[in-house]
PDB file of N, CA and C in Angstrom:
ATOM      1  N   MET A   1       0.867  -1.318   0.212  1.00  0.00           N
ATOM      2  CA  MET A   1       0.190   0.027  -0.221  1.00  0.00           C
ATOM      3  C   MET A   1       0.964   1.145   0.092  1.00  0.00           C
ATOM      4  N   ASN A   2       0.546   2.122  -0.722  1.00  0.00           N
ATOM      5  CA  ASN A   2       1.366   3.300  -0.877  1.00  0.00           C
ATOM      6  C   ASN A   2       0.927   4.550   0.087  1.00  0.00           C
ATOM      7  N   THR A   3       1.650   5.598   0.049  1.00  0.00           N
ATOM      8  CA  THR A   3       1.243   6.664   0.685  1.00  0.00           C
ATOM      9  C   THR A   3       0.056   7.270   0.278  1.00  0.00           C
ATOM     10  N   LEU A   4      -0.378   7.434  -0.970  1.00  0.00           N
ATOM     11  CA  LEU A   4      -1.714   7.834  -1.444  1.00  0.00           C
ATOM     12  C   LEU A   4      -2.749   6.888  -1.008  1.00  0.00           C
ATOM     13  N   GLU A   5      -2.587   5.711  -1.318  1.00  0.00           N
ATOM     14  CA  GLU A   5      -3.600   4.766  -0.542  1.00  0.00           C
ATOM     15  C   GLU A   5      -3.801   5.035   0.742  1.00  0.00           C
ATOM     16  N   ILE A   6      -3.073   4.961   1.645  1.00  0.00           N
ATOM     17  CA  ILE A   6      -3.139   5.260   3.043  1.00  0.00           C
ATOM     18  C   ILE A   6      -3.951   6.814   3.434  1.00  0.00           C
ATOM     19  N   LYS A   7      -3.337   7.744   2.657  1.00  0.00           N
ATOM     20  CA  LYS A   7      -4.260   8.977   2.840  1.00  0.00           C
ATOM     21  C   LYS A   7      -5.718   8.871   2.242  1.00  0.00           C
ATOM     22  N   GLY A   8      -5.880   8.143   1.138  1.00  0.00           N
ATOM     23  CA  GLY A   8      -7.056   8.075   0.732  1.00  0.00           C
ATOM     24  C   GLY A   8      -8.188   7.354   1.885  1.00  0.00           C
ATOM     25  N   ASP A   9      -7.558   6.282   2.377  1.00  0.00           N
ATOM     26  CA  ASP A   9      -8.068   5.277   3.297  1.00  0.00           C
ATOM     27  C   ASP A   9      -8.402   6.450   4.511  1.00  0.00           C
ATOM     28  N   TRP A  10      -7.450   6.913   5.189  1.00  0.00           N
ATOM     29  CA  TRP A  10      -7.846   7.861   6.169  1.00  0.00           C
ATOM     30  C   TRP A  10      -8.833   9.190   5.926  1.00  0.00           C
ATOM     31  N   ASN A  11      -8.725   9.691   4.576  1.00  0.00           N
ATOM     32  CA  ASN A  11      -9.845  10.504   4.115  1.00  0.00           C
ATOM     33  C   ASN A  11     -10.924   9.592   4.792  1.00  0.00           C
ATOM     34  N   ILE A  12     -11.497   8.875   3.681  1.00  0.00           N
ATOM     35  CA  ILE A  12     -12.543   7.854   4.290  1.00  0.00           C
ATOM     36  C   ILE A  12     -13.344   7.763   5.347  1.00  0.00           C
ATOM     37  N   THR A  13     -12.387   7.413   6.177  1.00  0.00           N
ATOM     38  CA  THR A  13     -12.186   7.148   7.610  1.00  0.00           C
ATOM     39  C   THR A  13     -12.816   8.207   8.379  1.00  0.00           C
ATOM     40  N   LYS A  14     -11.973   9.399   7.952  1.00  0.00           N
ATOM     41  CA  LYS A  14     -12.691  10.638   8.578  1.00  0.00           C
ATOM     42  C   LYS A  14     -14.101  11.073   8.569  1.00  0.00           C
ATOM     43  N   GLY A  15     -14.135  10.491   6.964  1.00  0.00           N
ATOM     44  CA  GLY A  15     -15.688  10.799   6.572  1.00  0.00           C
ATOM     45  C   GLY A  15     -16.731  10.479   7.602  1.00  0.00           C
ATOM     46  N   LYS A  16     -16.552   8.992   7.877  1.00  0.00           N
ATOM     47  CA  LYS A  16     -17.405   8.323   8.613  1.00  0.00           C
ATOM     48  C   LYS A  16     -17.485   8.381   9.582  1.00  0.00           C
ATOM     49  N   LEU A  17     -16.263   8.808  10.306  1.00  0.00           N
ATOM     50  CA  LEU A  17     -16.440   9.496  11.896  1.00  0.00           C
ATOM     51  C   LEU A  17     -17.402  10.612  11.939  1.00  0.00           C
ATOM     52  N   LYS A  18     -17.289  11.426  11.053  1.00  0.00           N
ATOM     53  CA  LYS A  18     -17.802  12.671  11.031  1.00  0.00           C
ATOM     54  C   LYS A  18     -19.210  12.670  10.607  1.00  0.00           C
ATOM     55  N   GLN A  19     -19.794  11.521   9.977  1.00  0.00           N
ATOM     56  CA  GLN A  19     -21.039  11.128   9.971  1.00  0.00           C
ATOM     57  C   GLN A  19     -21.942  10.324  11.074  1.00  0.00           C
ATOM     58  N   LYS A  20     -20.773   9.702  11.667  1.00  0.00           N
ATOM     59  CA  LYS A  20     -21.206   9.490  13.203  1.00  0.00           C
ATOM     60  C   LYS A  20     -21.823  10.314  14.406  1.00  0.00           C
ATOM     61  N   TRP A  21     -20.518  11.326  14.403  1.00  0.00           N
ATOM     62  CA  TRP A  21     -20.520  12.247  15.299  1.00  0.00           C
ATOM     63  C   TRP A  21     -20.111  13.518  14.705  1.00  0.00           C
ATOM     64  N   ALA A  22     -21.324  14.268  14.208  1.00  0.00           N
ATOM     65  CA  ALA A  22     -21.412  15.600  13.369  1.00  0.00           C
ATOM     66  C   ALA A  22     -20.778  16.549  14.016  1.00  0.00           C
ATOM     67  N   THR A  23     -20.170  16.677  15.394  1.00  0.00           N
ATOM     68  CA  THR A  23     -19.447  17.686  16.106  1.00  0.00           C
ATOM     69  C   THR A  23     -17.958  17.502  15.761  1.00  0.00           C
ATOM     70  N   LEU A  24     -17.601  16.422  15.066  1.00  0.00           N
ATOM     71  CA  LEU A  24     -16.031  16.395  15.102  1.00  0.00           C
ATOM     72  C   LEU A  24     -15.589  17.504  13.894  1.00  0.00           C
ATOM     73  N   THR A  25     -14.781  17.927  13.941  1.00  0.00           N
ATOM     74  CA  THR A  25     -13.981  18.875  12.930  1.00  0.00           C
ATOM     75  C   THR A  25     -12.816  18.164  12.300  1.00  0.00           C
ATOM     76  N   ASP A  26     -12.236  18.763  11.026  1.00  0.00           N
ATOM     77  CA  ASP A  26     -11.106  18.482  10.470  1.00  0.00           C
ATOM     78  C   ASP A  26      -9.869  18.460  11.404  1.00  0.00           C
ATOM     79  N   ASP A  27      -9.885  19.322  12.281  1.00  0.00           N
ATOM     80  CA  ASP A  27      -9.068  19.583  13.409  1.00  0.00           C
ATOM     81  C   ASP A  27      -9.000  18.670  14.435  1.00  0.00           C
ATOM     82  N   ASP A  28      -9.999  18.279  15.044  1.00  0.00           N
ATOM     83  CA  ASP A  28     -10.497  17.142  15.558  1.00  0.00           C
ATOM     84  C   ASP A  28      -9.596  15.677  14.715  1.00  0.00           C
ATOM     85  N   LEU A  29      -9.780  15.643  14.022  1.00  0.00           N
ATOM     86  CA  LEU A  29      -9.510  14.442  13.176  1.00  0.00           C
ATOM     87  C   LEU A  29      -7.933  14.560  12.303  1.00  0.00           C
ATOM     88  N   GLN A  30      -7.333  15.577  12.657  1.00  0.00           N
ATOM     89  CA  GLN A  30      -5.911  15.619  12.075  1.00  0.00           C
ATOM     90  C   GLN A  30      -5.271  14.591  12.802  1.00  0.00           C
ATOM     91  N   TYR A  31      -4.597  13.871  12.157  1.00  0.00           N
ATOM     92  CA  TYR A  31      -3.604  12.737  12.876  1.00  0.00           C
ATOM     93  C   TYR A  31      -2.333  12.344  12.329  1.00  0.00           C
ATOM     94  N   ALA A  32      -1.370  12.770  13.052  1.00  0.00           N
ATOM     95  CA  ALA A  32       0.294  12.387  12.703  1.00  0.00           C
ATOM     96  C   ALA A  32       0.825  11.349  13.380  1.00  0.00           C
ATOM     97  N   GLU A  33       1.433  10.698  13.058  1.00  0.00           N
ATOM     98  CA  GLU A  33       2.265   9.571  13.490  1.00  0.00           C
ATOM     99  C   GLU A  33       2.510  10.050  14.781  1.00  0.00           C
ATOM    100  N   GLY A  34       2.395   9.233  16.055  1.00  0.00           N
ATOM    101  CA  GLY A  34       2.639   9.181  17.246  1.00  0.00           C
ATOM    102  C   GLY A  34       1.740   9.598  17.806  1.00  0.00           C
ATOM    103  N   LYS A  35       0.785  10.411  17.366  1.00  0.00           N
ATOM    104  CA  LYS A  35      -0.545  11.097  18.143  1.00  0.00           C
ATOM    105  C   LYS A  35      -1.474  10.377  18.307  1.00  0.00           C
ATOM    106  N   HIS A  36      -1.747   8.788  18.166  1.00  0.00           N
ATOM    107  CA  HIS A  36      -2.935   8.112  18.517  1.00  0.00           C
ATOM    108  C   HIS A  36      -3.631   8.476  19.537  1.00  0.00           C
ATOM    109  N   ASP A  37      -2.977   8.553  20.907  1.00  0.00           N
ATOM    110  CA  ASP A  37      -3.507   8.555  21.871  1.00  0.00           C
ATOM    111  C   ASP A  37      -4.248  10.173  21.934  1.00  0.00           C
ATOM    112  N   GLU A  38      -3.711  11.122  21.323  1.00  0.00           N
ATOM    113  CA  GLU A  38      -4.419  12.500  21.449  1.00  0.00           C
ATOM    114  C   GLU A  38      -5.406  12.713  20.461  1.00  0.00           C
ATOM    115  N   LEU A  39      -5.347  11.946  19.385  1.00  0.00           N
ATOM    116  CA  LEU A  39      -6.795  11.825  18.475  1.00  0.00           C
ATOM    117  C   LEU A  39      -7.781  11.270  19.436  1.00  0.00           C
ATOM    118  N   LEU A  40      -7.458  10.069  19.637  1.00  0.00           N
ATOM    119  CA  LEU A  40      -8.870   9.546  20.627  1.00  0.00           C
ATOM    120  C   LEU A  40      -9.037  10.223  21.931  1.00  0.00           C
ATOM    121  N   GLY A  41      -8.508  11.221  22.544  1.00  0.00           N
ATOM    122  CA  GLY A  41      -8.790  11.875  23.259  1.00  0.00           C
ATOM    123  C   GLY A  41      -9.435  13.350  22.915  1.00  0.00           C
ATOM    124  N   ARG A  42      -9.339  13.661  21.590  1.00  0.00           N
ATOM    125  CA  ARG A  42      -9.886  14.468  21.008  1.00  0.00           C
ATOM    126  C   ARG A  42     -11.431  14.276  20.807  1.00  0.00           C
ATOM    127  N   ILE A  43     -11.376  13.003  20.209  1.00  0.00           N
ATOM    128  CA  ILE A  43     -12.770  12.492  19.768  1.00  0.00           C
ATOM    129  C   ILE A  43     -13.716  12.147  21.162  1.00  0.00           C
ATOM    130  N   GLN A  44     -13.045  11.465  21.770  1.00  0.00           N
ATOM    131  CA  GLN A  44     -13.599  11.680  23.232  1.00  0.00           C
ATOM    132  C   GLN A  44     -14.275  12.550  23.991  1.00  0.00           C
ATOM    133  N   LYS A  45     -13.486  13.670  24.007  1.00  0.00           N
ATOM    134  CA  LYS A  45     -13.492  15.063  24.494  1.00  0.00           C
ATOM    135  C   LYS A  45     -14.939  15.563  23.655  1.00  0.00           C
ATOM    136  N   ARG A  46     -14.660  15.616  22.399  1.00  0.00           N
ATOM    137  CA  ARG A  46     -15.873  16.037  21.667  1.00  0.00           C
ATOM    138  C   ARG A  46     -17.087  15.452  21.692  1.00  0.00           C
ATOM    139  N   THR A  47     -16.949  13.938  21.701  1.00  0.00           N
ATOM    140  CA  THR A  47     -18.353  13.246  21.416  1.00  0.00           C
ATOM    141  C   THR A  47     -18.755  12.914  23.025  1.00  0.00           C
ATOM    142  N   GLY A  48     -18.135  12.882  24.040  1.00  0.00           N
ATOM    143  CA  GLY A  48     -18.355  12.198  25.356  1.00  0.00           C
ATOM    144  C   GLY A  48     -18.570  10.711  25.378  1.00  0.00           C
ATOM    145  N   GLN A  49     -17.864  10.032  24.517  1.00  0.00           N
ATOM    146  CA  GLN A  49     -18.142   8.848  24.314  1.00  0.00           C
ATOM    147  C   GLN A  49     -16.702   7.910  25.286  1.00  0.00           C
ATOM    148  N   THR A  50     -16.788   6.800  25.413  1.00  0.00           N
ATOM    149  CA  THR A  50     -15.798   6.235  26.054  1.00  0.00           C
ATOM    150  C   THR A  50     -14.443   5.732  25.035  1.00  0.00           C
ATOM    151  N   ARG A  51     -13.356   5.555  25.623  1.00  0.00           N
ATOM    152  CA  ARG A  51     -12.173   5.289  24.584  1.00  0.00           C
ATOM    153  C   ARG A  51     -12.473   4.006  23.698  1.00  0.00           C
ATOM    154  N   GLU A  52     -13.042   2.986  24.465  1.00  0.00           N
ATOM    155  CA  GLU A  52     -13.176   1.960  23.790  1.00  0.00           C
ATOM    156  C   GLU A  52     -14.151   2.091  22.619  1.00  0.00           C
ATOM    157  N   ALA A  53     -15.390   2.977  22.763  1.00  0.00           N
ATOM    158  CA  ALA A  53     -16.204   3.057  21.654  1.00  0.00           C
ATOM    159  C   ALA A  53     -15.851   3.884  20.612  1.00  0.00           C
ATOM    160  N   VAL A  54     -14.750   4.779  21.106  1.00  0.00           N
ATOM    161  CA  VAL A  54     -13.909   5.736  19.822  1.00  0.00           C
ATOM    162  C   VAL A  54     -13.315   4.551  19.108  1.00  0.00           C
ATOM    163  N   GLU A  55     -12.644   3.923  19.882  1.00  0.00           N
ATOM    164  CA  GLU A  55     -11.358   2.887  19.228  1.00  0.00           C
ATOM    165  C   GLU A  55     -12.368   1.941  18.291  1.00  0.00           C
ATOM    166  N   LYS A  56     -13.722   1.323  18.665  1.00  0.00           N
ATOM    167  CA  LYS A  56     -14.403   0.667  17.821  1.00  0.00           C
ATOM    168  C   LYS A  56     -14.694   1.298  16.880  1.00  0.00           C
ATOM    169  N   ALA A  57     -15.081   2.464  16.747  1.00  0.00           N
ATOM    170  CA  ALA A  57     -15.815   3.350  15.815  1.00  0.00           C
ATOM    171  C   ALA A  57     -14.898   3.362  14.663  1.00  0.00           C
ATOM    172  N   ILE A  58     -13.545   4.002  15.242  1.00  0.00           N
ATOM    173  CA  ILE A  58     -12.319   4.299  14.209  1.00  0.00           C
ATOM    174  C   ILE A  58     -11.935   2.458  13.423  1.00  0.00           C
ATOM    175  N   ASN A  59     -11.816   1.654  14.359  1.00  0.00           N
ATOM    176  CA  ASN A  59     -11.765   0.248  13.542  1.00  0.00           C
ATOM    177  C   ASN A  59     -12.760   0.074  12.614  1.00  0.00           C
ATOM    178  N   ASP A  60     -13.984   0.038  13.052  1.00  0.00           N
ATOM    179  CA  ASP A  60     -15.504  -0.227  12.195  1.00  0.00           C
ATOM    180  C   ASP A  60     -15.040   0.715  10.768  1.00  0.00           C
ATOM    181  N   ALA A  61     -14.894   1.702  10.890  1.00  0.00           N
ATOM    182  CA  ALA A  61     -15.028   2.822   9.720  1.00  0.00           C
ATOM    183  C   ALA A  61     -13.782   2.452   8.843  1.00  0.00           C
ATOM    184  N   ALA A  62     -12.616   2.013   9.414  1.00  0.00           N
ATOM    185  CA  ALA A  62     -11.220   1.457   8.637  1.00  0.00           C
ATOM    186  C   ALA A  62     -11.437   0.294   8.209  1.00  0.00           C
ATOM    187  N   SER A  63     -12.183  -0.533   8.776  1.00  0.00           N
ATOM    188  CA  SER A  63     -12.271  -1.891   8.216  1.00  0.00           C
ATOM    189  C   SER A  63     -13.149  -1.748   6.953  1.00  0.00           C
ATOM    190  N   CYS A  64     -13.911  -0.943   6.700  1.00  0.00           N
ATOM    191  CA  CYS A  64     -14.744  -0.927   5.472  1.00  0.00           C
ATOM    192  C   CYS A  64     -14.001  -0.514   4.064  1.00  0.00           C
ATOM    193  N   CYS A  65     -12.851   0.324   4.137  1.00  0.00           N
ATOM    194  CA  CYS A  65     -12.171   0.617   3.192  1.00  0.00           C
ATOM    195  C   CYS A  65     -10.811   0.463   3.214  1.00  0.00           C
ATOM    196  N   CYS A  66     -10.187  -0.252   4.026  1.00  0.00           N
ATOM    197  CA  CYS A  66      -9.065  -0.696   4.048  1.00  0.00           C
ATOM    198  C   CYS A  66      -8.691  -2.086   3.687  1.00  0.00           C
ATOM    199  N   LYS A  67      -9.426  -2.895   2.934  1.00  0.00           N
ATOM    200  CA  LYS A  67      -9.716  -4.194   2.476  1.00  0.00           C
ATOM    201  C   LYS A  67      -8.295  -4.521   1.576  1.00  0.00           C
TER     202      LYS A  67
END
């Protein structure tokens, strides 16, 4: 998988997360290597969901497009 494919998959995943939680912004979903915990924390803070629920939503959204 090349960089463009990974970025495309992440854009699809971001779109699905925004559909699930409309209050999320692009800034909330900005992901940089090594910032996984910060991303989860931002989504948790914005949505009020548990870490486990956020991780499951990300995994579910990513599994649809990353096969």
